[in-house]
Amino acid sequence: MTKKEVKKMSVKHKSKLKILYLMEIFERKTDEEHILSAAALCDSLREYNIDAERKSIYADIKSLRDFGMDIINTRSPARGYFLASRKYELAEIRLLIDAVQAAHFIPPKKTKNLINKIGLLVSDSQMNMLKNQVYIDNRVKSNNEQIFYNIDVIHKAIASHKQIMFKYSKKKILNYFSNTEEEKEFVVNPYALIWSDEHYYLICNKTNYDNLIHVRLDRMKKVELLESESRQFSQVCEYKNFFDSADYASKLFSMFSGEKYSIELVCSNSIIEEITDKFGEKSSCRRYDNEHFIIKTEAVVSEGLVSWIMQFGSRIVVKSPVSLKESVRARAKEILDTYSRNI
């Protein structure tokens, strides 16, 4: 509602809106370092074309306190009132802003809009302080402006157990100097959305197949909700009562698909933190010798897992399965052969 619209209202109607605008003033303009007296609160209300006396302000503050707002009356460093606590702490808002800024799949314009909306959860002065502190680098951002609309459609499809249709784009090299985007149309049964390795993925089943696939949301275009019923996920995966997206993601490496195996890795003691971060505190780790430990867990054996293992060089040795051990050996030989040739 604009200030001009408020000005045209009757006195009786303005009085009903007064306490709502007073609430907004406390949320936007006050915090521990920004205190407003009753007179200053009256002045702020006049900016909304609402006249108020100090006595009515005291009564409204009592009502807001009864409603649950933590409004404090202080005498130092200044006499007046401020909103002491909010639904979210400042550190929590900082985390949310950092997460939005770091998300590659959110386009630049949407990133800015989201950060501004999150800023409404703290006072204006606190938000200005956060903006000055948040580090913004030149990270790559998606240019797919449809992504928020796509998320909404996918969410509705999952909730209503319906299929979706979309176009999926991938880059294709044309020649030495240019590339283009190649699009394919898919109809899938959607099950879950997960955020992994700085990208947002849809976990789904492609019609006429009996396995799960995952596709990046920033590559999906023209997502359409269909009337056709979605296939139950229990028919294409191990999950029966609910789709455990956290368990599914934990067994993938760099979001590569593959077959799940029980794996054993002999690891240097120097990378215990990295191994625990990846597999979780509950993973089965035990001493192997004075310099190594062994971890036993379940994971999807894929190119992603091979690449992840190889980044640690000699600090990880695959004990089982044999197929994974052979894949790592073959990748190492391929790299050695490549570097032995002049390119």
Protein backbone atom coordinates (compact mmCIF):
# COMPACT_ATOMS: atom_id res chain seq x y z
CA MET A 1 0.00 0.00 0.00
CA THR A 2 1.41 3.41 -0.98
CA LYS A 3 1.60 6.44 1.33
CA LYS A 4 -0.75 8.29 -1.04
CA GLU A 5 -3.38 5.56 -0.62
CA VAL A 6 -3.03 5.71 3.16
CA LYS A 7 -3.48 9.49 3.08
CA LYS A 8 -6.88 9.12 1.38
CA MET A 9 -8.22 6.76 4.06
CA SER A 10 -10.58 7.71 6.84
CA VAL A 11 -9.19 8.41 10.30
CA LYS A 12 -10.93 5.30 11.65
CA HIS A 13 -9.37 3.07 9.01
CA LYS A 14 -5.92 4.60 9.55
CA SER A 15 -6.15 3.82 13.26
CA LYS A 16 -6.63 0.15 12.43
CA LEU A 17 -3.52 0.17 10.25
CA LYS A 18 -1.41 2.12 12.74
CA ILE A 19 -0.29 -0.85 14.80
CA LEU A 20 0.70 -2.77 11.65
CA TYR A 21 2.87 0.08 10.45
CA LEU A 22 4.30 0.42 13.95
CA MET A 23 5.27 -3.26 13.80
CA GLU A 24 7.00 -2.63 10.46
CA ILE A 25 8.88 0.35 11.92
CA PHE A 26 10.20 -1.79 14.79
CA GLU A 27 11.27 -4.51 12.35
CA ARG A 28 12.89 -2.21 9.78
CA LYS A 29 14.28 0.69 11.80
CA THR A 30 15.22 -0.61 15.25
CA ASP A 31 17.79 -2.94 16.77
CA GLU A 32 20.16 -2.79 19.77
CA GLU A 33 22.12 0.04 18.20
CA HIS A 34 19.15 1.92 16.77
CA ILE A 35 16.65 2.99 19.43
CA LEU A 36 13.54 5.11 18.83
CA SER A 37 11.75 7.17 21.43
CA ALA A 38 7.95 7.39 21.54
CA ALA A 39 8.20 10.79 19.84
CA ALA A 40 10.46 9.36 17.11
CA LEU A 41 7.98 6.50 16.59
CA CYS A 42 5.23 9.10 16.10
CA ASP A 43 7.41 10.88 13.53
CA SER A 44 8.02 7.60 11.71
CA LEU A 45 4.27 6.94 11.56
CA ARG A 46 3.74 10.39 10.01
CA GLU A 47 5.91 9.18 7.11
CA TYR A 48 3.02 6.79 6.43
CA ASN A 49 0.54 9.68 6.73
CA ILE A 50 -0.69 8.38 10.08
CA ASP A 51 -0.92 10.76 13.04
CA ALA A 52 -0.36 9.35 16.53
CA GLU A 53 0.04 10.62 20.08
CA ARG A 54 2.65 9.27 22.46
CA LYS A 55 0.01 7.84 24.82
CA SER A 56 -1.42 5.70 22.03
CA ILE A 57 2.10 4.53 21.14
CA TYR A 58 2.56 3.11 24.65
CA ALA A 59 -0.71 1.19 24.35
CA ASP A 60 0.25 -0.14 20.92
CA ILE A 61 3.66 -1.27 22.19
CA LYS A 62 1.92 -3.21 24.97
CA SER A 63 -0.31 -4.89 22.37
CA LEU A 64 2.69 -5.79 20.24
CA ARG A 65 4.42 -7.29 23.29
CA ASP A 66 1.29 -9.28 24.08
CA PHE A 67 1.39 -10.49 20.48
CA GLY A 68 4.91 -11.81 21.09
CA MET A 69 7.28 -9.10 19.85
CA ASP A 70 10.37 -8.72 22.04
CA ILE A 71 10.26 -4.91 22.33
CA ILE A 72 12.64 -3.55 24.96
CA ASN A 73 12.37 -0.20 26.75
CA THR A 74 15.88 1.07 27.44
CA ARG A 75 17.44 4.16 29.04
CA SER A 76 21.03 3.64 27.87
CA PRO A 77 22.71 4.56 25.60
CA ALA A 78 19.50 6.38 24.65
CA ARG A 79 15.96 6.46 26.00
CA GLY A 80 13.46 4.62 23.84
CA TYR A 81 12.41 1.28 22.38
CA PHE A 82 13.88 -1.35 20.05
CA LEU A 83 13.11 -4.84 18.79
CA ALA A 84 15.54 -7.08 20.69
CA SER A 85 15.02 -10.47 19.01
CA ARG A 86 13.68 -11.74 15.71
CA LYS A 87 12.72 -15.04 14.13
CA TYR A 88 16.21 -15.32 12.67
CA GLU A 89 19.53 -14.39 14.24
CA LEU A 90 21.97 -12.21 12.33
CA ALA A 91 24.39 -15.12 11.85
CA GLU A 92 21.58 -17.25 10.36
CA ILE A 93 20.73 -14.49 7.87
CA ARG A 94 24.41 -14.29 6.94
CA LEU A 95 24.44 -18.03 6.22
CA LEU A 96 21.34 -17.75 4.03
CA ILE A 97 22.83 -14.87 2.04
CA ASP A 98 26.13 -16.69 1.58
CA ALA A 99 24.30 -19.81 0.40
CA VAL A 100 22.28 -17.87 -2.19
CA GLN A 101 25.40 -16.07 -3.38
CA ALA A 102 27.32 -19.35 -3.69
CA ALA A 103 24.58 -21.22 -5.59
CA HIS A 104 25.64 -21.46 -9.24
CA PHE A 105 22.16 -22.42 -10.42
CA ILE A 106 20.56 -19.12 -9.30
CA PRO A 107 20.82 -16.45 -12.04
CA PRO A 108 22.41 -13.07 -11.11
CA LYS A 109 19.10 -11.15 -11.14
CA LYS A 110 17.37 -13.76 -8.97
CA THR A 111 20.37 -13.80 -6.64
CA LYS A 112 20.04 -10.07 -6.03
CA ASN A 113 16.26 -10.29 -5.52
CA LEU A 114 16.56 -13.19 -3.09
CA ILE A 115 19.24 -11.46 -1.01
CA ASN A 116 17.05 -8.35 -0.78
CA LYS A 117 14.09 -10.46 0.39
CA ILE A 118 16.22 -12.23 3.00
CA GLY A 119 17.30 -8.78 4.18
CA LEU A 120 13.71 -8.02 5.19
CA LEU A 121 14.18 -10.45 8.09
CA VAL A 122 16.56 -8.02 9.83
CA SER A 123 16.66 -4.26 10.31
CA ASP A 124 17.79 -1.97 7.49
CA SER A 125 21.00 -1.07 9.33
CA GLN A 126 21.81 -4.75 9.98
CA MET A 127 21.23 -5.57 6.32
CA ASN A 128 23.52 -2.73 5.21
CA MET A 129 26.19 -4.11 7.51
CA LEU A 130 25.76 -7.61 6.06
CA LYS A 131 26.01 -6.30 2.50
CA ASN A 132 29.33 -4.66 3.37
CA GLN A 133 30.64 -7.91 4.88
CA VAL A 134 29.44 -10.46 2.31
CA TYR A 135 32.23 -11.37 -0.09
CA ILE A 136 31.04 -11.42 -3.67
CA ASP A 137 33.47 -12.93 -6.16
CA ASN A 138 33.18 -13.37 -9.91
CA ARG A 139 31.74 -16.87 -9.65
CA VAL A 140 29.91 -18.36 -12.61
CA LYS A 141 26.13 -18.05 -12.43
CA SER A 142 23.41 -19.71 -14.50
CA ASN A 143 21.68 -17.64 -17.18
CA ASN A 144 18.49 -19.74 -17.04
CA GLU A 145 15.87 -17.28 -15.80
CA GLN A 146 13.18 -20.03 -15.85
CA ILE A 147 14.69 -21.91 -12.92
CA PHE A 148 12.36 -20.60 -10.17
CA TYR A 149 9.31 -21.30 -12.32
CA ASN A 150 10.69 -24.78 -13.06
CA ILE A 151 11.18 -25.50 -9.34
CA ASP A 152 7.57 -24.52 -8.67
CA VAL A 153 6.25 -26.82 -11.41
CA ILE A 154 8.45 -29.73 -10.29
CA HIS A 155 7.39 -29.26 -6.67
CA LYS A 156 3.72 -29.46 -7.71
CA ALA A 157 4.40 -32.53 -9.83
CA ILE A 158 6.13 -34.39 -6.98
CA ALA A 159 3.36 -33.48 -4.53
CA SER A 160 0.57 -34.53 -6.91
CA HIS A 161 2.41 -37.62 -8.29
CA LYS A 162 2.30 -36.37 -11.87
CA GLN A 163 4.77 -36.63 -14.74
CA ILE A 164 6.58 -33.67 -16.25
CA MET A 165 7.89 -32.88 -19.72
CA PHE A 166 10.85 -30.59 -20.41
CA LYS A 167 13.62 -29.74 -22.85
CA TYR A 168 17.15 -30.52 -21.67
CA SER A 169 20.06 -28.59 -23.16
CA LYS A 170 23.72 -29.52 -23.39
CA LYS A 171 26.59 -27.71 -25.05
CA LYS A 172 27.96 -29.21 -28.26
CA ILE A 173 31.25 -28.34 -29.95
CA LEU A 174 30.73 -27.36 -33.59
CA ASN A 175 34.28 -26.54 -34.67
CA TYR A 176 37.47 -24.91 -33.44
CA PHE A 177 35.79 -21.56 -32.91
CA SER A 178 32.21 -22.11 -31.78
CA ASN A 179 29.77 -24.27 -29.86
CA THR A 180 26.02 -24.49 -29.58
CA GLU A 181 23.32 -25.91 -27.31
CA GLU A 182 21.67 -29.17 -28.23
CA GLU A 183 18.16 -29.73 -26.82
CA LYS A 184 16.28 -32.98 -26.24
CA GLU A 185 12.75 -33.48 -24.94
CA PHE A 186 12.10 -35.79 -21.98
CA VAL A 187 9.06 -37.10 -20.13
CA VAL A 188 9.98 -38.25 -16.62
CA ASN A 189 8.58 -39.33 -13.27
CA PRO A 190 9.94 -36.79 -10.73
CA TYR A 191 10.82 -37.89 -7.17
CA ALA A 192 13.09 -35.38 -5.42
CA LEU A 193 15.15 -32.20 -5.71
CA ILE A 194 18.65 -32.17 -4.22
CA TRP A 195 21.47 -29.66 -4.05
CA SER A 196 24.87 -31.29 -4.54
CA ASP A 197 28.30 -30.16 -5.75
CA GLU A 198 27.03 -26.57 -6.17
CA HIS A 199 24.22 -27.58 -8.52
CA TYR A 200 20.51 -28.33 -8.14
CA TYR A 201 19.34 -31.69 -9.47
CA LEU A 202 16.04 -33.42 -10.16
CA ILE A 203 16.05 -37.13 -9.28
CA CYS A 204 13.65 -38.89 -11.60
CA ASN A 205 12.88 -41.93 -13.73
CA LYS A 206 12.80 -41.71 -17.48
CA THR A 207 9.70 -43.25 -19.02
CA ASN A 208 10.22 -46.85 -20.27
CA TYR A 209 13.35 -47.36 -18.11
CA ASP A 210 13.75 -49.06 -14.74
CA ASN A 211 16.42 -46.91 -13.10
CA LEU A 212 16.94 -43.49 -11.55
CA ILE A 213 18.61 -40.58 -13.32
CA HIS A 214 19.40 -37.06 -12.19
CA VAL A 215 19.33 -33.93 -14.34
CA ARG A 216 20.54 -30.41 -13.61
CA LEU A 217 17.81 -27.83 -13.15
CA ASP A 218 19.79 -25.05 -14.78
CA ARG A 219 19.77 -27.08 -18.02
CA MET A 220 16.01 -27.71 -17.96
CA LYS A 221 13.73 -25.49 -20.02
CA LYS A 222 9.98 -25.25 -20.64
CA VAL A 223 9.04 -27.58 -17.78
CA GLU A 224 5.39 -28.65 -18.15
CA LEU A 225 3.16 -30.42 -15.62
CA LEU A 226 1.35 -33.33 -17.27
CA GLU A 227 -1.96 -34.94 -16.35
CA SER A 228 -0.50 -38.46 -16.53
CA GLU A 229 0.21 -40.25 -13.24
CA SER A 230 3.83 -40.63 -12.15
CA ARG A 231 5.35 -44.08 -11.70
CA GLN A 232 5.91 -45.06 -8.05
CA PHE A 233 9.60 -44.73 -7.09
CA SER A 234 9.54 -48.11 -5.31
CA GLN A 235 9.31 -49.73 -8.76
CA VAL A 236 12.67 -48.33 -9.88
CA CYS A 237 14.81 -48.11 -6.71
CA GLU A 238 15.38 -49.59 -3.26
CA TYR A 239 13.29 -47.00 -1.40
CA LYS A 240 9.79 -48.18 -0.46
CA ASN A 241 7.90 -45.87 1.91
CA PHE A 242 9.60 -42.57 1.08
CA PHE A 243 12.32 -41.40 -1.28
CA ASP A 244 15.46 -40.89 0.84
CA SER A 245 17.16 -38.16 -1.19
CA ALA A 246 19.89 -37.65 1.44
CA ASP A 247 20.85 -41.33 1.29
CA TYR A 248 20.75 -41.27 -2.51
CA ALA A 249 23.04 -38.23 -2.75
CA SER A 250 25.49 -39.56 -0.14
CA LYS A 251 26.28 -42.60 -2.30
CA LEU A 252 27.04 -40.59 -5.44
CA PHE A 253 30.32 -38.92 -6.35
CA SER A 254 30.13 -35.74 -8.43
CA MET A 255 26.57 -36.84 -9.28
CA PHE A 256 27.71 -39.72 -11.54
CA SER A 257 25.32 -42.66 -11.79
CA GLY A 258 26.39 -46.28 -11.50
CA GLU A 259 25.88 -49.51 -9.60
CA LYS A 260 26.05 -49.53 -5.80
CA TYR A 261 28.72 -51.67 -4.13
CA SER A 262 30.22 -52.26 -0.72
CA ILE A 263 33.67 -50.66 -0.93
CA GLU A 264 36.80 -50.78 1.24
CA LEU A 265 39.46 -48.09 1.08
CA VAL A 266 42.82 -48.06 2.85
CA CYS A 267 43.55 -44.43 3.67
CA SER A 268 46.43 -42.43 5.10
CA ASN A 269 45.82 -41.11 8.61
CA SER A 270 46.54 -37.63 7.23
CA ILE A 271 43.18 -37.51 5.39
CA ILE A 272 40.89 -38.72 8.18
CA GLU A 273 39.02 -35.38 8.17
CA GLU A 274 38.35 -35.48 4.41
CA ILE A 275 37.13 -39.09 4.60
CA THR A 276 34.85 -38.35 7.56
CA ASP A 277 33.46 -35.27 5.79
CA LYS A 278 32.59 -37.37 2.75
CA PHE A 279 31.20 -40.53 4.35
CA GLY A 280 29.96 -39.21 7.70
CA GLU A 281 30.87 -39.86 11.32
CA LYS A 282 28.94 -43.14 11.36
CA SER A 283 31.06 -44.77 8.66
CA SER A 284 32.93 -47.91 9.68
CA CYS A 285 36.55 -46.83 10.19
CA ARG A 286 39.19 -48.96 11.93
CA ARG A 287 42.96 -49.03 12.30
CA TYR A 288 44.85 -50.74 9.46
CA ASP A 289 48.45 -50.12 10.55
CA ASN A 290 50.39 -47.33 12.25
CA GLU A 291 50.00 -44.96 9.28
CA HIS A 292 46.69 -46.04 7.74
CA PHE A 293 43.05 -46.77 8.54
CA ILE A 294 40.46 -48.70 6.54
CA ILE A 295 36.92 -47.55 5.82
CA LYS A 296 34.07 -49.78 4.73
CA THR A 297 30.93 -48.21 3.28
CA GLU A 298 28.47 -48.33 0.39
CA ALA A 299 28.86 -46.12 -2.67
CA VAL A 300 27.93 -45.93 -6.33
CA VAL A 301 30.95 -47.08 -8.36
CA SER A 302 31.31 -44.59 -11.19
CA GLU A 303 33.68 -42.26 -13.01
CA GLY A 304 32.95 -39.72 -10.30
CA LEU A 305 34.18 -42.07 -7.56
CA VAL A 306 37.33 -42.91 -9.54
CA SER A 307 38.10 -39.19 -9.98
CA TRP A 308 37.47 -38.52 -6.30
CA ILE A 309 39.85 -41.32 -5.24
CA MET A 310 42.58 -40.20 -7.62
CA GLN A 311 42.74 -36.68 -6.23
CA PHE A 312 44.32 -38.18 -3.11
CA GLY A 313 47.06 -39.95 -5.05
CA SER A 314 48.85 -42.63 -3.01
CA ARG A 315 46.96 -41.66 0.17
CA ILE A 316 44.01 -43.89 -0.84
CA VAL A 317 44.32 -47.47 -2.06
CA VAL A 318 41.23 -49.43 -3.11
CA LYS A 319 40.97 -52.79 -1.32
CA SER A 320 37.65 -53.84 -2.82
CA PRO A 321 35.77 -54.31 -5.07
CA VAL A 322 38.22 -55.51 -7.72
CA SER A 323 36.29 -53.65 -10.46
CA LEU A 324 36.88 -50.32 -8.73
CA LYS A 325 40.56 -51.14 -8.18
CA GLU A 326 40.95 -51.93 -11.89
CA SER A 327 39.15 -48.72 -12.89
CA VAL A 328 41.54 -46.60 -10.80
CA ARG A 329 44.54 -48.47 -12.22
CA ALA A 330 43.28 -47.96 -15.79
CA ARG A 331 42.68 -44.23 -15.19
CA ALA A 332 46.19 -43.81 -13.75
CA LYS A 333 47.71 -45.59 -16.78
CA GLU A 334 45.65 -43.44 -19.15
CA ILE A 335 46.95 -40.26 -17.49
CA LEU A 336 50.53 -41.54 -17.57
CA ASP A 337 50.23 -42.42 -21.28
CA THR A 338 48.74 -39.01 -22.03
CA TYR A 339 51.60 -37.17 -20.34
CA SER A 340 54.12 -39.43 -22.10
CA ARG A 341 52.92 -38.13 -25.46
CA ASN A 342 53.41 -34.68 -26.91
CA ILE A 343 50.07 -32.92 -27.40
